[in-house]
């Protein structure tokens, strides 16, 4: 994923200032998908404007600019959304789980208990967020921005919890044998 495409996706929803976009990254994307600071966002907005992907649609106090996506930017965003890349996945979390059997049984259990605990915390956070966004949506509204990603995250945490509980039962069964 590129910062450019994340910004285009946020601007598809509505025109926003660089400050608004930074806050959206901080509040919504940084925790689950992508981190970007002011020092990354503002230069990228300038490049995207020069490339004709976005345009300044308003100016406010202290020189703030509101950016809107152009037709060219919407086309690029859509193309990126449908593009598939077979790039290798790198995840320290998955690598730790792959190496789980290198630990003694007590350490494996402790690590699995931690997976369950973190997953349950994620389930609680996302369940609250989903309920909150759904209560704010009006009848006939499109799903709120990030709703599908939140549901994916909820199910991902449920999967992690269920897997860790299964692995713990496997350890218990092995110990009994």
N, C-alpha and C. Protein backbone atom coordinates (compact mmCIF):
# COMPACT_ATOMS: atom_id res chain seq x y z
N UNK A 1 0.84 -1.18 0.00
CA UNK A 1 0.00 0.00 0.00
C UNK A 1 0.88 1.23 0.00
N UNK A 2 0.41 2.25 -0.60
CA UNK A 2 1.17 3.49 -0.59
C UNK A 2 0.38 4.57 0.13
N UNK A 3 1.10 5.50 0.63
CA UNK A 3 0.47 6.64 1.28
C UNK A 3 -0.44 7.37 0.31
N UNK A 4 0.00 7.47 -0.92
CA UNK A 4 -0.78 8.15 -1.96
C UNK A 4 -2.19 7.55 -2.08
N UNK A 5 -2.26 6.25 -2.11
CA UNK A 5 -3.55 5.59 -2.29
C UNK A 5 -4.42 5.67 -1.03
N UNK A 6 -3.80 5.66 0.11
CA UNK A 6 -4.56 5.84 1.34
C UNK A 6 -5.17 7.24 1.38
N UNK A 7 -4.40 8.24 0.98
CA UNK A 7 -4.92 9.61 0.96
C UNK A 7 -6.04 9.75 -0.07
N UNK A 8 -5.86 9.15 -1.24
CA UNK A 8 -6.92 9.19 -2.25
C UNK A 8 -8.20 8.56 -1.70
N UNK A 9 -8.05 7.43 -1.02
CA UNK A 9 -9.22 6.76 -0.46
C UNK A 9 -9.95 7.61 0.56
N UNK A 10 -9.19 8.32 1.38
CA UNK A 10 -9.83 9.21 2.37
C UNK A 10 -10.51 10.40 1.68
N UNK A 11 -9.91 10.86 0.58
CA UNK A 11 -10.49 12.00 -0.12
C UNK A 11 -11.68 11.61 -0.99
N UNK A 12 -11.82 10.34 -1.32
CA UNK A 12 -13.02 9.90 -2.05
C UNK A 12 -14.25 10.18 -1.21
N UNK A 13 -14.11 10.00 0.09
CA UNK A 13 -15.24 10.20 1.00
C UNK A 13 -15.71 11.66 0.99
N UNK A 14 -14.74 12.58 1.12
CA UNK A 14 -15.09 14.00 1.14
C UNK A 14 -13.79 14.82 1.08
N UNK A 15 -13.87 16.08 0.62
CA UNK A 15 -12.69 16.96 0.65
C UNK A 15 -12.25 17.18 2.10
N UNK A 16 -10.93 17.28 2.29
CA UNK A 16 -10.39 17.45 3.63
C UNK A 16 -9.10 18.25 3.58
N UNK A 17 -8.75 18.85 4.70
CA UNK A 17 -7.46 19.55 4.82
C UNK A 17 -6.38 18.54 5.16
N UNK A 18 -5.14 18.98 5.03
CA UNK A 18 -4.03 18.12 5.44
C UNK A 18 -4.13 17.77 6.92
N UNK A 19 -4.56 18.73 7.71
CA UNK A 19 -4.74 18.49 9.14
C UNK A 19 -5.81 17.42 9.37
N UNK A 20 -6.94 17.54 8.66
CA UNK A 20 -8.01 16.53 8.78
C UNK A 20 -7.49 15.14 8.42
N UNK A 21 -6.74 15.07 7.34
CA UNK A 21 -6.20 13.78 6.89
C UNK A 21 -5.23 13.21 7.92
N UNK A 22 -4.39 14.06 8.50
CA UNK A 22 -3.46 13.60 9.54
C UNK A 22 -4.21 13.03 10.73
N UNK A 23 -5.27 13.72 11.13
CA UNK A 23 -6.08 13.25 12.27
C UNK A 23 -6.76 11.93 11.94
N UNK A 24 -7.26 11.78 10.71
CA UNK A 24 -7.91 10.53 10.32
C UNK A 24 -6.91 9.38 10.38
N UNK A 25 -5.68 9.61 9.90
CA UNK A 25 -4.65 8.58 9.98
C UNK A 25 -4.41 8.20 11.43
N UNK A 26 -4.26 9.22 12.26
CA UNK A 26 -3.97 8.99 13.68
C UNK A 26 -5.09 8.23 14.36
N UNK A 27 -6.31 8.62 14.10
CA UNK A 27 -7.48 8.06 14.79
C UNK A 27 -7.91 6.71 14.22
N UNK A 28 -7.83 6.54 12.90
CA UNK A 28 -8.45 5.38 12.27
C UNK A 28 -7.43 4.40 11.70
N UNK A 29 -6.48 4.89 10.93
CA UNK A 29 -5.61 3.98 10.18
C UNK A 29 -4.34 3.56 10.91
N UNK A 30 -3.77 4.43 11.72
CA UNK A 30 -2.46 4.13 12.32
C UNK A 30 -2.46 2.85 13.14
N UNK A 31 -3.52 2.62 13.86
CA UNK A 31 -3.56 1.47 14.76
C UNK A 31 -3.68 0.14 14.02
N UNK A 32 -4.39 0.15 12.91
CA UNK A 32 -4.71 -1.11 12.26
C UNK A 32 -4.07 -1.33 10.89
N UNK A 33 -3.74 -0.25 10.17
CA UNK A 33 -3.33 -0.48 8.79
C UNK A 33 -2.05 0.25 8.38
N UNK A 34 -1.95 1.53 8.66
CA UNK A 34 -0.87 2.31 8.05
C UNK A 34 -0.60 3.53 8.91
N UNK A 35 0.65 3.79 9.18
CA UNK A 35 1.02 4.98 9.95
C UNK A 35 1.60 6.02 9.01
N UNK A 36 1.18 7.25 9.17
CA UNK A 36 1.76 8.37 8.43
C UNK A 36 1.66 9.62 9.29
N UNK A 37 2.76 10.34 9.35
CA UNK A 37 2.79 11.57 10.16
C UNK A 37 2.59 12.79 9.26
N UNK A 38 2.46 13.94 9.89
CA UNK A 38 2.33 15.21 9.14
C UNK A 38 3.47 15.35 8.14
N UNK A 39 4.68 14.99 8.58
CA UNK A 39 5.85 15.17 7.72
C UNK A 39 5.83 14.26 6.49
N UNK A 40 4.99 13.24 6.49
CA UNK A 40 4.83 12.39 5.32
C UNK A 40 3.63 12.84 4.48
N UNK A 41 2.58 13.25 5.15
CA UNK A 41 1.31 13.56 4.46
C UNK A 41 1.42 14.84 3.63
N UNK A 42 1.94 15.92 4.20
CA UNK A 42 1.95 17.19 3.47
C UNK A 42 2.79 17.16 2.20
N UNK A 43 4.00 16.60 2.20
CA UNK A 43 4.74 16.51 0.94
C UNK A 43 4.02 15.65 -0.11
N UNK A 44 3.36 14.58 0.36
CA UNK A 44 2.63 13.73 -0.59
C UNK A 44 1.44 14.47 -1.18
N UNK A 45 0.75 15.29 -0.39
CA UNK A 45 -0.35 16.10 -0.93
C UNK A 45 0.16 17.05 -2.02
N UNK A 46 1.34 17.64 -1.81
CA UNK A 46 1.91 18.53 -2.83
C UNK A 46 2.20 17.75 -4.12
N UNK A 47 2.77 16.55 -3.99
CA UNK A 47 3.07 15.73 -5.17
C UNK A 47 1.79 15.31 -5.88
N UNK A 48 0.78 14.94 -5.11
CA UNK A 48 -0.48 14.50 -5.70
C UNK A 48 -1.17 15.65 -6.43
N UNK A 49 -1.04 16.86 -5.90
CA UNK A 49 -1.60 18.04 -6.57
C UNK A 49 -0.86 18.27 -7.89
N UNK A 50 0.47 18.20 -7.85
CA UNK A 50 1.28 18.38 -9.07
C UNK A 50 0.97 17.31 -10.11
N UNK A 51 0.63 16.10 -9.66
CA UNK A 51 0.32 15.00 -10.58
C UNK A 51 -1.12 15.02 -11.06
N UNK A 52 -1.92 15.97 -10.58
CA UNK A 52 -3.30 16.11 -11.03
C UNK A 52 -4.26 15.10 -10.41
N UNK A 53 -3.86 14.47 -9.30
CA UNK A 53 -4.72 13.49 -8.65
C UNK A 53 -5.70 14.15 -7.67
N UNK A 54 -5.28 15.28 -7.13
CA UNK A 54 -6.13 16.05 -6.22
C UNK A 54 -5.99 17.52 -6.59
N UNK A 55 -6.89 18.33 -6.04
CA UNK A 55 -6.82 19.76 -6.28
C UNK A 55 -7.25 20.49 -5.03
N UNK A 56 -6.81 21.72 -4.92
CA UNK A 56 -7.23 22.56 -3.79
C UNK A 56 -8.63 23.06 -4.12
N UNK A 57 -9.59 22.74 -3.24
CA UNK A 57 -10.98 23.14 -3.47
C UNK A 57 -11.43 24.24 -2.50
N UNK A 58 -10.53 24.62 -1.60
CA UNK A 58 -10.86 25.68 -0.67
C UNK A 58 -9.64 26.08 0.13
N UNK A 59 -9.62 27.32 0.58
CA UNK A 59 -8.53 27.80 1.43
C UNK A 59 -9.13 28.45 2.65
N UNK A 60 -8.49 28.18 3.79
CA UNK A 60 -9.00 28.69 5.04
C UNK A 60 -8.00 29.56 5.76
N UNK A 61 -8.23 29.72 7.03
CA UNK A 61 -7.38 30.55 7.88
C UNK A 61 -5.96 29.99 7.92
N UNK A 62 -5.02 30.92 8.06
CA UNK A 62 -3.60 30.56 8.20
C UNK A 62 -3.10 29.70 7.04
N UNK A 63 -3.68 29.89 5.87
CA UNK A 63 -3.18 29.20 4.68
C UNK A 63 -3.56 27.74 4.57
N UNK A 64 -4.51 27.28 5.37
CA UNK A 64 -4.91 25.87 5.27
C UNK A 64 -5.62 25.65 3.94
N UNK A 65 -5.38 24.49 3.37
CA UNK A 65 -5.99 24.13 2.09
C UNK A 65 -6.87 22.91 2.26
N UNK A 66 -8.01 22.95 1.60
CA UNK A 66 -8.88 21.78 1.56
C UNK A 66 -8.69 21.13 0.20
N UNK A 67 -8.40 19.82 0.23
CA UNK A 67 -8.13 19.08 -0.99
C UNK A 67 -9.32 18.22 -1.37
N UNK A 68 -9.56 18.14 -2.66
CA UNK A 68 -10.57 17.25 -3.19
C UNK A 68 -9.95 16.37 -4.26
N UNK A 69 -10.51 15.21 -4.45
CA UNK A 69 -9.97 14.27 -5.44
C UNK A 69 -10.47 14.67 -6.83
N UNK A 70 -9.62 14.53 -7.84
CA UNK A 70 -10.01 14.79 -9.22
C UNK A 70 -10.49 13.49 -9.86
N UNK A 71 -11.04 13.58 -11.05
CA UNK A 71 -11.47 12.38 -11.78
C UNK A 71 -10.26 11.46 -12.02
N UNK A 72 -9.12 12.05 -12.35
CA UNK A 72 -7.90 11.27 -12.55
C UNK A 72 -7.49 10.55 -11.26
N UNK A 73 -7.61 11.25 -10.13
CA UNK A 73 -7.29 10.64 -8.84
C UNK A 73 -8.25 9.51 -8.50
N UNK A 74 -9.54 9.71 -8.78
CA UNK A 74 -10.53 8.66 -8.52
C UNK A 74 -10.25 7.43 -9.38
N UNK A 75 -9.85 7.67 -10.64
CA UNK A 75 -9.50 6.55 -11.53
C UNK A 75 -8.28 5.79 -10.99
N UNK A 76 -7.26 6.53 -10.55
CA UNK A 76 -6.07 5.87 -10.02
C UNK A 76 -6.40 5.07 -8.76
N UNK A 77 -7.22 5.66 -7.89
CA UNK A 77 -7.61 4.96 -6.67
C UNK A 77 -8.34 3.66 -7.01
N UNK A 78 -9.30 3.73 -7.92
CA UNK A 78 -10.07 2.54 -8.30
C UNK A 78 -9.15 1.48 -8.90
N UNK A 79 -8.24 1.89 -9.76
CA UNK A 79 -7.28 0.95 -10.37
C UNK A 79 -6.44 0.27 -9.27
N UNK A 80 -5.98 1.06 -8.31
CA UNK A 80 -5.19 0.49 -7.22
C UNK A 80 -6.01 -0.50 -6.39
N UNK A 81 -7.27 -0.17 -6.14
CA UNK A 81 -8.13 -1.05 -5.34
C UNK A 81 -8.28 -2.42 -5.99
N UNK A 82 -8.30 -2.47 -7.32
CA UNK A 82 -8.50 -3.73 -8.02
C UNK A 82 -7.18 -4.43 -8.38
N UNK A 83 -6.06 -3.77 -8.20
CA UNK A 83 -4.75 -4.36 -8.52
C UNK A 83 -4.38 -5.39 -7.46
N UNK A 84 -3.85 -6.49 -7.88
CA UNK A 84 -3.39 -7.53 -6.95
C UNK A 84 -1.89 -7.71 -7.13
N UNK A 85 -1.20 -7.68 -6.04
CA UNK A 85 0.24 -7.92 -6.07
C UNK A 85 0.53 -9.14 -5.23
N UNK A 86 1.32 -10.01 -5.77
CA UNK A 86 1.73 -11.19 -5.01
C UNK A 86 3.06 -10.90 -4.34
N UNK A 87 3.01 -10.01 -3.36
CA UNK A 87 4.23 -9.67 -2.64
C UNK A 87 4.32 -10.53 -1.39
N UNK A 88 5.53 -10.86 -0.98
CA UNK A 88 5.68 -11.70 0.22
C UNK A 88 5.19 -10.96 1.45
N UNK A 89 4.57 -11.72 2.33
CA UNK A 89 4.07 -11.16 3.57
C UNK A 89 5.15 -11.29 4.63
N UNK A 90 5.35 -10.24 5.39
CA UNK A 90 6.30 -10.26 6.49
C UNK A 90 5.56 -9.87 7.75
N UNK A 91 5.52 -10.79 8.69
CA UNK A 91 4.84 -10.51 9.94
C UNK A 91 5.62 -11.16 11.07
N UNK A 92 6.11 -10.34 11.97
CA UNK A 92 6.82 -10.89 13.13
C UNK A 92 5.88 -11.74 13.97
N UNK A 93 4.61 -11.34 14.04
CA UNK A 93 3.64 -12.10 14.84
C UNK A 93 3.48 -13.52 14.29
N UNK A 94 3.33 -13.64 12.98
CA UNK A 94 3.19 -14.96 12.36
C UNK A 94 4.49 -15.75 12.51
N UNK A 95 5.63 -15.10 12.38
CA UNK A 95 6.91 -15.78 12.57
C UNK A 95 7.03 -16.35 13.98
N UNK A 96 6.59 -15.59 14.98
CA UNK A 96 6.62 -16.09 16.37
C UNK A 96 5.73 -17.34 16.51
N UNK A 97 4.57 -17.31 15.88
CA UNK A 97 3.67 -18.47 15.96
C UNK A 97 4.26 -19.67 15.22
N UNK A 98 4.94 -19.42 14.12
CA UNK A 98 5.60 -20.49 13.39
C UNK A 98 6.67 -21.15 14.26
N UNK A 99 7.35 -20.37 15.08
CA UNK A 99 8.44 -20.85 15.93
C UNK A 99 7.95 -21.30 17.31
N UNK A 100 6.67 -21.33 17.53
CA UNK A 100 6.09 -21.65 18.83
C UNK A 100 6.62 -22.96 19.41
N UNK A 101 6.77 -23.98 18.59
CA UNK A 101 7.21 -25.29 19.07
C UNK A 101 8.64 -25.30 19.58
N UNK A 102 9.38 -24.23 19.34
CA UNK A 102 10.75 -24.15 19.85
C UNK A 102 10.78 -23.83 21.35
N UNK A 103 9.64 -23.44 21.91
CA UNK A 103 9.56 -23.12 23.33
C UNK A 103 9.15 -24.34 24.14
N UNK A 104 9.40 -24.29 25.44
CA UNK A 104 8.88 -25.36 26.29
C UNK A 104 7.38 -25.15 26.44
N UNK A 105 6.70 -26.18 26.93
CA UNK A 105 5.24 -26.16 26.99
C UNK A 105 4.70 -25.01 27.82
N UNK A 106 5.32 -24.71 28.95
CA UNK A 106 4.83 -23.61 29.79
C UNK A 106 4.95 -22.27 29.07
N UNK A 107 6.06 -22.08 28.36
CA UNK A 107 6.24 -20.84 27.61
C UNK A 107 5.25 -20.76 26.44
N UNK A 108 5.01 -21.90 25.80
CA UNK A 108 4.02 -21.91 24.71
C UNK A 108 2.65 -21.50 25.25
N UNK A 109 2.29 -22.07 26.38
CA UNK A 109 1.00 -21.75 26.98
C UNK A 109 0.93 -20.26 27.33
N UNK A 110 1.99 -19.71 27.89
CA UNK A 110 2.00 -18.28 28.25
C UNK A 110 1.83 -17.41 27.00
N UNK A 111 2.51 -17.77 25.94
CA UNK A 111 2.37 -17.00 24.71
C UNK A 111 0.95 -17.12 24.15
N UNK A 112 0.38 -18.32 24.18
CA UNK A 112 -0.99 -18.52 23.69
C UNK A 112 -2.00 -17.77 24.56
N UNK A 113 -1.78 -17.76 25.86
CA UNK A 113 -2.67 -16.99 26.75
C UNK A 113 -2.62 -15.50 26.40
N UNK A 114 -1.43 -15.02 26.05
CA UNK A 114 -1.28 -13.62 25.66
C UNK A 114 -2.03 -13.34 24.35
N UNK A 115 -1.96 -14.28 23.41
CA UNK A 115 -2.70 -14.12 22.16
C UNK A 115 -4.19 -14.01 22.44
N UNK A 116 -4.71 -14.88 23.31
CA UNK A 116 -6.13 -14.84 23.66
C UNK A 116 -6.48 -13.51 24.31
N UNK A 117 -5.66 -13.07 25.25
CA UNK A 117 -5.93 -11.82 25.96
C UNK A 117 -5.95 -10.62 25.02
N UNK A 118 -4.95 -10.52 24.14
CA UNK A 118 -4.90 -9.40 23.19
C UNK A 118 -6.05 -9.47 22.19
N UNK A 119 -6.38 -10.68 21.76
CA UNK A 119 -7.49 -10.84 20.81
C UNK A 119 -8.81 -10.42 21.45
N UNK A 120 -9.03 -10.82 22.68
CA UNK A 120 -10.28 -10.44 23.35
C UNK A 120 -10.37 -8.93 23.56
N UNK A 121 -9.25 -8.29 23.83
CA UNK A 121 -9.25 -6.83 23.95
C UNK A 121 -9.59 -6.19 22.60
N UNK A 122 -9.02 -6.72 21.53
CA UNK A 122 -9.34 -6.22 20.19
C UNK A 122 -10.80 -6.44 19.83
N UNK A 123 -11.34 -7.59 20.20
CA UNK A 123 -12.75 -7.88 19.95
C UNK A 123 -13.63 -6.86 20.66
N UNK A 124 -13.31 -6.58 21.92
CA UNK A 124 -14.10 -5.60 22.69
C UNK A 124 -14.02 -4.21 22.06
N UNK A 125 -12.80 -3.78 21.69
CA UNK A 125 -12.63 -2.45 21.10
C UNK A 125 -13.40 -2.32 19.79
N UNK A 126 -13.27 -3.32 18.94
CA UNK A 126 -13.91 -3.23 17.64
C UNK A 126 -15.42 -3.40 17.72
N UNK A 127 -15.88 -4.22 18.64
CA UNK A 127 -17.33 -4.36 18.83
C UNK A 127 -17.92 -3.01 19.25
N UNK A 128 -17.26 -2.32 20.17
CA UNK A 128 -17.72 -0.99 20.59
C UNK A 128 -17.69 0.00 19.42
N UNK A 129 -16.61 -0.03 18.65
CA UNK A 129 -16.48 0.90 17.52
C UNK A 129 -17.56 0.64 16.48
N UNK A 130 -17.83 -0.61 16.20
CA UNK A 130 -18.86 -0.96 15.22
C UNK A 130 -20.23 -0.50 15.70
N UNK A 131 -20.52 -0.78 16.95
CA UNK A 131 -21.82 -0.36 17.51
C UNK A 131 -21.97 1.16 17.48
N UNK A 132 -20.89 1.86 17.78
CA UNK A 132 -20.93 3.32 17.80
C UNK A 132 -21.16 3.87 16.39
N UNK A 133 -20.43 3.35 15.39
CA UNK A 133 -20.61 3.87 14.04
C UNK A 133 -21.98 3.51 13.47
N UNK A 134 -22.48 2.35 13.81
CA UNK A 134 -23.81 1.97 13.31
C UNK A 134 -24.91 2.82 13.95
N UNK A 135 -24.73 3.20 15.21
CA UNK A 135 -25.75 4.02 15.87
C UNK A 135 -25.77 5.44 15.30
N UNK A 136 -24.65 5.87 14.73
CA UNK A 136 -24.56 7.22 14.16
C UNK A 136 -25.08 7.28 12.72
N UNK A 137 -25.18 6.13 12.07
CA UNK A 137 -25.62 6.10 10.67
C UNK A 137 -27.14 6.21 10.59
N UNK A 138 -27.57 6.95 9.60
CA UNK A 138 -29.01 7.10 9.39
C UNK A 138 -29.54 6.01 8.48
N UNK A 139 -30.85 5.84 8.46
CA UNK A 139 -31.45 4.83 7.58
C UNK A 139 -31.12 5.13 6.12
N UNK A 140 -30.70 4.13 5.39
CA UNK A 140 -30.38 4.29 3.98
C UNK A 140 -29.00 4.83 3.70
N UNK A 141 -28.23 5.18 4.75
CA UNK A 141 -26.86 5.67 4.55
C UNK A 141 -25.98 4.53 4.06
N UNK A 142 -24.93 4.89 3.33
CA UNK A 142 -23.91 3.91 2.97
C UNK A 142 -23.23 3.46 4.25
N UNK A 143 -22.62 2.28 4.24
CA UNK A 143 -21.89 1.87 5.45
C UNK A 143 -20.84 2.94 5.80
N UNK A 144 -20.70 3.26 7.07
CA UNK A 144 -19.73 4.28 7.47
C UNK A 144 -18.32 3.91 7.03
N UNK A 145 -17.50 4.94 6.79
CA UNK A 145 -16.13 4.73 6.36
C UNK A 145 -15.40 3.85 7.36
N UNK A 146 -14.76 2.82 6.90
CA UNK A 146 -14.00 1.91 7.75
C UNK A 146 -14.83 0.79 8.35
N UNK A 147 -16.13 0.78 8.10
CA UNK A 147 -17.00 -0.24 8.71
C UNK A 147 -16.60 -1.65 8.29
N UNK A 148 -16.32 -1.84 6.99
CA UNK A 148 -15.95 -3.16 6.51
C UNK A 148 -14.59 -3.59 7.07
N UNK A 149 -13.68 -2.64 7.17
CA UNK A 149 -12.37 -2.95 7.75
C UNK A 149 -12.50 -3.30 9.23
N UNK A 150 -13.39 -2.61 9.94
CA UNK A 150 -13.60 -2.91 11.36
C UNK A 150 -14.17 -4.32 11.52
N UNK A 151 -15.08 -4.70 10.65
CA UNK A 151 -15.65 -6.05 10.70
C UNK A 151 -14.58 -7.09 10.41
N UNK A 152 -13.71 -6.80 9.43
CA UNK A 152 -12.59 -7.70 9.14
C UNK A 152 -11.70 -7.84 10.37
N UNK A 153 -11.38 -6.71 11.00
CA UNK A 153 -10.55 -6.73 12.21
C UNK A 153 -11.19 -7.53 13.33
N UNK A 154 -12.49 -7.34 13.51
CA UNK A 154 -13.21 -8.10 14.53
C UNK A 154 -13.09 -9.58 14.27
N UNK A 155 -13.33 -9.99 13.05
CA UNK A 155 -13.25 -11.42 12.71
C UNK A 155 -11.82 -11.94 12.79
N UNK A 156 -10.84 -11.10 12.47
CA UNK A 156 -9.43 -11.48 12.58
C UNK A 156 -9.08 -11.76 14.05
N UNK A 157 -9.52 -10.89 14.93
CA UNK A 157 -9.27 -11.10 16.35
C UNK A 157 -10.00 -12.35 16.86
N UNK A 158 -11.21 -12.59 16.40
CA UNK A 158 -11.94 -13.80 16.78
C UNK A 158 -11.19 -15.05 16.31
N UNK A 159 -10.67 -14.99 15.10
CA UNK A 159 -9.89 -16.10 14.56
C UNK A 159 -8.64 -16.35 15.39
N UNK A 160 -7.93 -15.29 15.74
CA UNK A 160 -6.72 -15.43 16.56
C UNK A 160 -7.06 -16.05 17.92
N UNK A 161 -8.12 -15.57 18.55
CA UNK A 161 -8.53 -16.11 19.84
C UNK A 161 -8.89 -17.59 19.71
N UNK A 162 -9.71 -17.91 18.72
CA UNK A 162 -10.14 -19.30 18.52
C UNK A 162 -8.95 -20.21 18.23
N UNK A 163 -8.01 -19.71 17.41
CA UNK A 163 -6.83 -20.52 17.09
C UNK A 163 -6.00 -20.76 18.36
N UNK A 164 -5.76 -19.73 19.14
CA UNK A 164 -4.95 -19.87 20.36
C UNK A 164 -5.62 -20.81 21.35
N UNK A 165 -6.94 -20.75 21.45
CA UNK A 165 -7.65 -21.68 22.34
C UNK A 165 -7.53 -23.11 21.82
N UNK A 166 -7.61 -23.29 20.51
CA UNK A 166 -7.41 -24.62 19.92
C UNK A 166 -6.00 -25.13 20.21
N UNK A 167 -4.99 -24.27 20.00
CA UNK A 167 -3.60 -24.68 20.23
C UNK A 167 -3.38 -25.04 21.70
N UNK A 168 -4.00 -24.31 22.60
CA UNK A 168 -3.89 -24.63 24.03
C UNK A 168 -4.50 -26.00 24.31
N UNK A 169 -5.64 -26.30 23.72
CA UNK A 169 -6.25 -27.63 23.89
C UNK A 169 -5.33 -28.72 23.34
N UNK A 170 -4.67 -28.43 22.23
CA UNK A 170 -3.72 -29.39 21.65
C UNK A 170 -2.57 -29.66 22.63
N UNK A 171 -2.05 -28.61 23.27
CA UNK A 171 -1.00 -28.77 24.27
C UNK A 171 -1.50 -29.62 25.44
N UNK A 172 -2.71 -29.36 25.89
CA UNK A 172 -3.31 -30.13 27.00
C UNK A 172 -3.46 -31.59 26.60
N UNK A 173 -3.92 -31.85 25.39
CA UNK A 173 -4.09 -33.23 24.91
C UNK A 173 -2.74 -33.94 24.84
N UNK A 174 -1.73 -33.22 24.36
CA UNK A 174 -0.38 -33.80 24.26
C UNK A 174 0.17 -34.12 25.65
N UNK A 175 -0.08 -33.26 26.58
CA UNK A 175 0.40 -33.46 27.96
C UNK A 175 -0.28 -34.70 28.57
N UNK A 176 -1.56 -34.90 28.30
CA UNK A 176 -2.28 -36.07 28.82
C UNK A 176 -1.81 -37.37 28.20
N UNK A 177 -1.35 -37.32 26.97
CA UNK A 177 -0.88 -38.54 26.29
C UNK A 177 0.42 -38.94 26.88
